[in-house]
Amino acid sequence: MRLKKALLHFGLWVNGLVSENCYETIKEIEKQIEEENIVEYIGKKYKDKVDFSLFNQDGPYPPNEINRFFLNQHWYIHGNESRKFCVSDNGLCLITAVCLDGIANC
């Protein structure tokens, strides 16, 4: 249940970035997923746009759980961005889609 809530909040926060016209390449997002760094990468890069304090080590949703979830899904994400997740361009949309898929399957 904790992971489900973490994915919900992370997906909503990232969706807010899309609403602000922020953009990431799918390649960069997949790289950060492989490095188990997706939460820290997004939080650091967009710290002036969205408050990511919920996802600090001291927050209610430690980044390691979300990073691990994304890494475990990476084999499924890579190559299926368009077909499975309906994302062909913005990597932030891919994050949101993977969060939705994770919520549905937790």
Protein backbone atom coordinates (compact mmCIF):
# COMPACT_ATOMS: atom_id res chain seq x y z
CA MET A 1 0.00 0.00 0.00
CA ARG A 2 2.85 2.39 0.77
CA LEU A 3 4.35 1.91 -2.70
CA LYS A 4 0.97 2.51 -4.29
CA LYS A 5 0.64 5.86 -2.50
CA ALA A 6 4.23 6.78 -3.34
CA LEU A 7 3.61 6.07 -7.03
CA LEU A 8 0.38 8.06 -6.90
CA HIS A 9 2.07 11.13 -5.45
CA PHE A 10 5.18 10.85 -7.62
CA GLY A 11 3.02 10.49 -10.74
CA LEU A 12 0.92 13.50 -9.78
CA TRP A 13 3.97 15.65 -9.10
CA VAL A 14 5.57 14.65 -12.41
CA ASN A 15 2.26 15.28 -14.19
CA GLY A 16 2.41 18.78 -12.76
CA LEU A 17 5.75 19.24 -14.48
CA VAL A 18 4.19 18.25 -17.80
CA SER A 19 1.51 20.85 -17.14
CA GLU A 20 4.33 23.40 -16.74
CA ASN A 21 5.62 22.44 -20.23
CA CYS A 22 8.68 20.64 -18.84
CA TYR A 23 10.31 18.06 -21.08
CA GLU A 24 12.70 15.13 -20.75
CA THR A 25 13.80 12.74 -23.44
CA ILE A 26 12.74 9.15 -23.04
CA LYS A 27 16.40 8.19 -23.37
CA GLU A 28 17.38 10.36 -20.38
CA ILE A 29 14.54 9.02 -18.25
CA GLU A 30 15.47 5.42 -19.06
CA LYS A 31 19.10 6.20 -18.20
CA GLN A 32 18.07 7.57 -14.79
CA ILE A 33 15.86 4.53 -14.21
CA GLU A 34 18.79 2.21 -14.96
CA GLU A 35 20.94 4.15 -12.49
CA GLU A 36 18.22 3.88 -9.79
CA ASN A 37 18.19 7.65 -9.64
CA ILE A 38 14.90 8.72 -11.20
CA VAL A 39 13.42 10.34 -8.08
CA GLU A 40 16.58 12.25 -7.21
CA TYR A 41 17.12 13.33 -10.81
CA ILE A 42 13.61 14.76 -11.17
CA GLY A 43 13.60 16.28 -7.69
CA LYS A 44 16.93 18.02 -8.17
CA LYS A 45 16.34 19.23 -11.71
CA TYR A 46 12.86 20.61 -11.02
CA LYS A 47 13.24 21.71 -7.40
CA ASP A 48 12.12 25.24 -8.31
CA LYS A 49 8.92 24.01 -9.98
CA VAL A 50 7.54 21.33 -7.65
CA ASP A 51 8.15 20.52 -3.98
CA PHE A 52 9.58 17.01 -3.96
CA SER A 53 10.19 16.95 -0.19
CA LEU A 54 7.76 14.02 0.16
CA PHE A 55 10.36 11.93 -1.65
CA ASN A 56 13.40 12.68 0.52
CA GLN A 57 14.96 10.03 2.74
CA ASP A 58 13.21 11.69 5.69
CA GLY A 59 9.88 12.06 3.89
CA PRO A 60 6.94 9.66 3.85
CA TYR A 61 8.02 8.17 0.50
CA PRO A 62 11.75 7.37 0.49
CA PRO A 63 13.16 7.49 -3.03
CA ASN A 64 14.77 4.04 -2.87
CA GLU A 65 11.37 2.30 -3.01
CA ILE A 66 10.25 4.23 -6.08
CA ASN A 67 13.66 3.93 -7.75
CA ARG A 68 13.62 0.16 -7.17
CA PHE A 69 10.11 -0.14 -8.59
CA PHE A 70 11.14 1.70 -11.76
CA LEU A 71 14.31 -0.38 -12.10
CA ASN A 72 12.29 -3.60 -11.74
CA GLN A 73 9.95 -2.36 -14.50
CA HIS A 74 12.75 -1.23 -16.81
CA TRP A 75 12.86 -4.49 -18.78
CA TYR A 76 9.16 -3.99 -19.52
CA ILE A 77 9.34 -0.26 -20.22
CA HIS A 78 12.24 -0.29 -22.68
CA GLY A 79 10.91 -0.79 -26.19
CA ASN A 80 7.27 -0.58 -25.10
CA GLU A 81 7.08 3.18 -24.56
CA SER A 82 4.72 3.78 -27.47
CA ARG A 83 2.86 0.48 -27.65
CA LYS A 84 2.22 -0.18 -23.95
CA PHE A 85 2.40 3.28 -22.42
CA CYS A 86 1.16 5.44 -25.35
CA VAL A 87 4.19 7.73 -25.01
CA SER A 88 6.30 8.64 -28.00
CA ASP A 89 8.12 11.79 -26.94
CA ASN A 90 8.15 13.27 -23.42
CA GLY A 91 9.88 11.10 -20.83
CA LEU A 92 7.93 12.81 -18.06
CA CYS A 93 4.76 11.37 -19.58
CA LEU A 94 6.45 7.96 -19.49
CA ILE A 95 7.06 8.34 -15.74
CA THR A 96 3.40 9.20 -15.19
CA ALA A 97 2.25 6.25 -17.33
CA VAL A 98 4.51 3.82 -15.45
CA CYS A 99 3.19 5.16 -12.14
CA LEU A 100 -0.38 4.56 -13.33
CA ASP A 101 0.51 1.04 -14.46
CA GLY A 102 2.18 0.39 -11.12
CA ILE A 103 -0.83 1.61 -9.16
CA ALA A 104 -3.10 -0.64 -11.19
CA ASN A 105 -0.91 -3.68 -10.60
CA CYS A 106 0.24 -3.22 -6.97
